[in-house]
């Protein structure tokens, strides 16, 4: 792949929110990101869905058009897109839990509709029981 050039996510809210690093290789751009959490009481949900998600997708689209190379992003996106992406599907508290709200799921859907795809779900569209997060607070693991 060669030695990549490295950059960070330029945004309107500064480096205090989320973390990312972008590596530009000759044939591919890879961005690893920690997406900010909406908070236990969802007090940060408007920031997450109206600001972060919008600016993040814009940044990825800018990378795609400016480099004319495939763009891959990975990391902690802090969202379980579909109900079966959660071990206790249908639990009553889900609509009020960070990462599981309607707004966060819709934001991820917009990202997918923007031409990106969830690689795991692409390869395993109906797989259940494969999770990357368990709540330590609820001792889910």
C-alpha atoms as a PDB file:
ATOM      1  CA  UNK A   1       0.000   0.000   0.000  1.00  0.00           C
ATOM      2  CA  UNK A   2       2.896   2.399   0.585  1.00  0.00           C
ATOM      3  CA  UNK A   3       3.213   5.086   3.236  1.00  0.00           C
ATOM      4  CA  UNK A   4      -0.070   6.958   3.765  1.00  0.00           C
ATOM      5  CA  UNK A   5      -0.611  10.641   4.286  1.00  0.00           C
ATOM      6  CA  UNK A   6      -2.450  11.331   7.552  1.00  0.00           C
ATOM      7  CA  UNK A   7      -5.168  13.875   8.282  1.00  0.00           C
ATOM      8  CA  UNK A   8      -7.986  14.507  10.763  1.00  0.00           C
ATOM      9  CA  UNK A   9     -11.688  15.317  10.474  1.00  0.00           C
ATOM     10  CA  UNK A  10     -12.107  19.077   9.961  1.00  0.00           C
ATOM     11  CA  UNK A  11     -15.341  20.161  11.609  1.00  0.00           C
ATOM     12  CA  UNK A  12     -17.177  23.082  13.152  1.00  0.00           C
ATOM     13  CA  UNK A  13     -16.923  21.858  16.747  1.00  0.00           C
ATOM     14  CA  UNK A  14     -13.222  21.244  17.322  1.00  0.00           C
ATOM     15  CA  UNK A  15     -11.147  18.272  18.340  1.00  0.00           C
ATOM     16  CA  UNK A  16     -12.922  17.779  21.674  1.00  0.00           C
ATOM     17  CA  UNK A  17     -15.666  15.772  19.949  1.00  0.00           C
ATOM     18  CA  UNK A  18     -15.002  12.314  18.652  1.00  0.00           C
ATOM     19  CA  UNK A  19     -11.685  11.104  17.394  1.00  0.00           C
ATOM     20  CA  UNK A  20     -10.651  10.228  13.894  1.00  0.00           C
ATOM     21  CA  UNK A  21      -7.661   9.665  11.734  1.00  0.00           C
ATOM     22  CA  UNK A  22      -7.670   9.459   7.957  1.00  0.00           C
ATOM     23  CA  UNK A  23      -5.021   7.563   6.030  1.00  0.00           C
ATOM     24  CA  UNK A  24      -4.700   8.266   2.325  1.00  0.00           C
ATOM     25  CA  UNK A  25      -3.045   5.494   0.391  1.00  0.00           C
ATOM     26  CA  UNK A  26      -2.437   5.620  -3.360  1.00  0.00           C
ATOM     27  CA  UNK A  27      -5.496   3.467  -4.091  1.00  0.00           C
ATOM     28  CA  UNK A  28      -7.698   3.826  -0.995  1.00  0.00           C
ATOM     29  CA  UNK A  29      -8.707   6.201   1.800  1.00  0.00           C
ATOM     30  CA  UNK A  30      -9.335   4.724   5.264  1.00  0.00           C
ATOM     31  CA  UNK A  31     -10.810   6.647   8.168  1.00  0.00           C
ATOM     32  CA  UNK A  32     -11.013   5.262  11.688  1.00  0.00           C
ATOM     33  CA  UNK A  33     -13.455   7.127  13.922  1.00  0.00           C
ATOM     34  CA  UNK A  34     -14.937   7.231  17.381  1.00  0.00           C
ATOM     35  CA  UNK A  35     -18.404   8.750  16.977  1.00  0.00           C
ATOM     36  CA  UNK A  36     -19.573  10.712  20.021  1.00  0.00           C
ATOM     37  CA  UNK A  37     -22.141   8.997  22.190  1.00  0.00           C
ATOM     38  CA  UNK A  38     -25.555  10.615  22.641  1.00  0.00           C
ATOM     39  CA  UNK A  39     -25.270  10.341  26.404  1.00  0.00           C
ATOM     40  CA  UNK A  40     -27.029   8.241  29.004  1.00  0.00           C
ATOM     41  CA  UNK A  41     -29.904  10.735  29.194  1.00  0.00           C
ATOM     42  CA  UNK A  42     -29.730  11.481  25.432  1.00  0.00           C
ATOM     43  CA  UNK A  43     -28.856  15.102  26.185  1.00  0.00           C
ATOM     44  CA  UNK A  44     -26.337  15.009  23.331  1.00  0.00           C
ATOM     45  CA  UNK A  45     -28.676  13.406  20.786  1.00  0.00           C
ATOM     46  CA  UNK A  46     -29.310  16.647  18.829  1.00  0.00           C
ATOM     47  CA  UNK A  47     -25.563  17.283  18.532  1.00  0.00           C
ATOM     48  CA  UNK A  48     -24.927  13.710  17.513  1.00  0.00           C
ATOM     49  CA  UNK A  49     -27.627  13.481  14.848  1.00  0.00           C
ATOM     50  CA  UNK A  50     -27.919  17.031  13.525  1.00  0.00           C
ATOM     51  CA  UNK A  51     -24.294  18.132  13.692  1.00  0.00           C
ATOM     52  CA  UNK A  52     -21.882  15.207  13.958  1.00  0.00           C
ATOM     53  CA  UNK A  53     -23.631  12.773  11.589  1.00  0.00           C
ATOM     54  CA  UNK A  54     -24.199  15.494   8.990  1.00  0.00           C
ATOM     55  CA  UNK A  55     -20.646  16.833   9.064  1.00  0.00           C
ATOM     56  CA  UNK A  56     -19.153  13.332   9.164  1.00  0.00           C
ATOM     57  CA  UNK A  57     -21.030  12.245   6.033  1.00  0.00           C
ATOM     58  CA  UNK A  58     -20.066  15.492   4.308  1.00  0.00           C
ATOM     59  CA  UNK A  59     -16.402  14.868   5.192  1.00  0.00           C
ATOM     60  CA  UNK A  60     -16.524  11.316   3.831  1.00  0.00           C
ATOM     61  CA  UNK A  61     -18.184  12.529   0.625  1.00  0.00           C
ATOM     62  CA  UNK A  62     -15.520  15.229   0.250  1.00  0.00           C
ATOM     63  CA  UNK A  63     -12.807  12.592   0.603  1.00  0.00           C
ATOM     64  CA  UNK A  64     -14.522  10.479  -2.022  1.00  0.00           C
ATOM     65  CA  UNK A  65     -14.878  13.263  -4.572  1.00  0.00           C
ATOM     66  CA  UNK A  66     -11.531  14.965  -3.937  1.00  0.00           C
ATOM     67  CA  UNK A  67      -9.422  11.796  -4.042  1.00  0.00           C
ATOM     68  CA  UNK A  68     -11.416   9.803  -6.600  1.00  0.00           C
ATOM     69  CA  UNK A  69     -10.530   6.714  -4.549  1.00  0.00           C
ATOM     70  CA  UNK A  70     -12.695   4.297  -2.576  1.00  0.00           C
ATOM     71  CA  UNK A  71     -13.346   5.471   0.984  1.00  0.00           C
ATOM     72  CA  UNK A  72     -13.638   3.057   3.885  1.00  0.00           C
ATOM     73  CA  UNK A  73     -14.534   4.122   7.368  1.00  0.00           C
ATOM     74  CA  UNK A  74     -14.495   1.989  10.429  1.00  0.00           C
ATOM     75  CA  UNK A  75     -14.387   2.278  14.177  1.00  0.00           C
ATOM     76  CA  UNK A  76     -16.903   2.853  16.935  1.00  0.00           C
ATOM     77  CA  UNK A  77     -19.913   4.373  15.182  1.00  0.00           C
ATOM     78  CA  UNK A  78     -22.040   4.215  18.350  1.00  0.00           C
ATOM     79  CA  UNK A  79     -25.167   2.923  16.636  1.00  0.00           C
ATOM     80  CA  UNK A  80     -26.932  -0.425  16.290  1.00  0.00           C
ATOM     81  CA  UNK A  81     -28.625   0.068  12.948  1.00  0.00           C
ATOM     82  CA  UNK A  82     -31.210  -2.704  12.987  1.00  0.00           C
ATOM     83  CA  UNK A  83     -33.102  -4.296  15.879  1.00  0.00           C
ATOM     84  CA  UNK A  84     -31.291  -7.622  15.381  1.00  0.00           C
ATOM     85  CA  UNK A  85     -27.961  -5.830  15.855  1.00  0.00           C
ATOM     86  CA  UNK A  86     -28.749  -5.833  19.593  1.00  0.00           C
ATOM     87  CA  UNK A  87     -28.754  -8.944  21.783  1.00  0.00           C
ATOM     88  CA  UNK A  88     -32.012  -8.102  23.567  1.00  0.00           C
ATOM     89  CA  UNK A  89     -34.002  -7.033  20.533  1.00  0.00           C
ATOM     90  CA  UNK A  90     -37.302  -5.412  21.424  1.00  0.00           C
ATOM     91  CA  UNK A  91     -36.425  -4.387  24.982  1.00  0.00           C
ATOM     92  CA  UNK A  92     -38.649  -1.518  26.097  1.00  0.00           C
ATOM     93  CA  UNK A  93     -35.757   0.793  26.997  1.00  0.00           C
ATOM     94  CA  UNK A  94     -34.162   0.717  23.527  1.00  0.00           C
ATOM     95  CA  UNK A  95     -35.909   3.769  22.051  1.00  0.00           C
ATOM     96  CA  UNK A  96     -34.461   5.800  24.945  1.00  0.00           C
ATOM     97  CA  UNK A  97     -30.932   4.360  24.854  1.00  0.00           C
ATOM     98  CA  UNK A  98     -27.941   5.970  23.172  1.00  0.00           C
ATOM     99  CA  UNK A  99     -27.037   4.193  19.945  1.00  0.00           C
ATOM    100  CA  UNK A 100     -30.520   2.744  19.548  1.00  0.00           C
ATOM    101  CA  UNK A 101     -32.700   5.795  19.038  1.00  0.00           C
ATOM    102  CA  UNK A 102     -34.771   6.297  15.918  1.00  0.00           C
ATOM    103  CA  UNK A 103     -32.728   9.424  15.098  1.00  0.00           C
ATOM    104  CA  UNK A 104     -29.372   7.651  15.320  1.00  0.00           C
ATOM    105  CA  UNK A 105     -30.590   4.740  13.243  1.00  0.00           C
ATOM    106  CA  UNK A 106     -32.021   7.131  10.634  1.00  0.00           C
ATOM    107  CA  UNK A 107     -28.667   8.940  10.542  1.00  0.00           C
ATOM    108  CA  UNK A 108     -26.896   5.679   9.788  1.00  0.00           C
ATOM    109  CA  UNK A 109     -29.491   4.881   7.128  1.00  0.00           C
ATOM    110  CA  UNK A 110     -28.680   8.242   5.462  1.00  0.00           C
ATOM    111  CA  UNK A 111     -25.019   7.293   5.450  1.00  0.00           C
ATOM    112  CA  UNK A 112     -25.855   4.000   3.772  1.00  0.00           C
ATOM    113  CA  UNK A 113     -28.136   5.747   1.281  1.00  0.00           C
ATOM    114  CA  UNK A 114     -25.206   8.032   0.470  1.00  0.00           C
ATOM    115  CA  UNK A 115     -23.515   5.141  -1.295  1.00  0.00           C
ATOM    116  CA  UNK A 116     -21.707   3.529   1.625  1.00  0.00           C
ATOM    117  CA  UNK A 117     -22.442   0.099   3.031  1.00  0.00           C
ATOM    118  CA  UNK A 118     -22.100  -1.894   6.216  1.00  0.00           C
ATOM    119  CA  UNK A 119     -19.554  -4.547   5.223  1.00  0.00           C
ATOM    120  CA  UNK A 120     -20.661  -7.047   7.867  1.00  0.00           C
ATOM    121  CA  UNK A 121     -24.331  -6.750   6.894  1.00  0.00           C
ATOM    122  CA  UNK A 122     -23.406  -6.876   3.212  1.00  0.00           C
ATOM    123  CA  UNK A 123     -21.726 -10.242   3.766  1.00  0.00           C
ATOM    124  CA  UNK A 124     -24.157 -11.504   6.431  1.00  0.00           C
ATOM    125  CA  UNK A 125     -27.488  -9.720   5.923  1.00  0.00           C
ATOM    126  CA  UNK A 126     -29.523 -11.928   8.267  1.00  0.00           C
ATOM    127  CA  UNK A 127     -26.909 -12.925  10.842  1.00  0.00           C
ATOM    128  CA  UNK A 128     -27.940 -12.684  14.468  1.00  0.00           C
ATOM    129  CA  UNK A 129     -25.858 -13.111  17.583  1.00  0.00           C
ATOM    130  CA  UNK A 130     -22.771 -11.219  16.361  1.00  0.00           C
ATOM    131  CA  UNK A 131     -22.165  -8.180  18.527  1.00  0.00           C
ATOM    132  CA  UNK A 132     -19.246  -5.887  19.209  1.00  0.00           C
ATOM    133  CA  UNK A 133     -20.660  -4.186  22.312  1.00  0.00           C
ATOM    134  CA  UNK A 134     -22.143  -5.292  25.587  1.00  0.00           C
ATOM    135  CA  UNK A 135     -23.244  -2.847  28.249  1.00  0.00           C
ATOM    136  CA  UNK A 136     -21.013  -3.026  31.316  1.00  0.00           C
ATOM    137  CA  UNK A 137     -23.653  -1.103  33.286  1.00  0.00           C
ATOM    138  CA  UNK A 138     -26.298  -3.767  32.779  1.00  0.00           C
ATOM    139  CA  UNK A 139     -23.801  -6.632  32.992  1.00  0.00           C
ATOM    140  CA  UNK A 140     -25.017  -7.833  29.603  1.00  0.00           C
ATOM    141  CA  UNK A 141     -21.986  -9.916  28.821  1.00  0.00           C
END
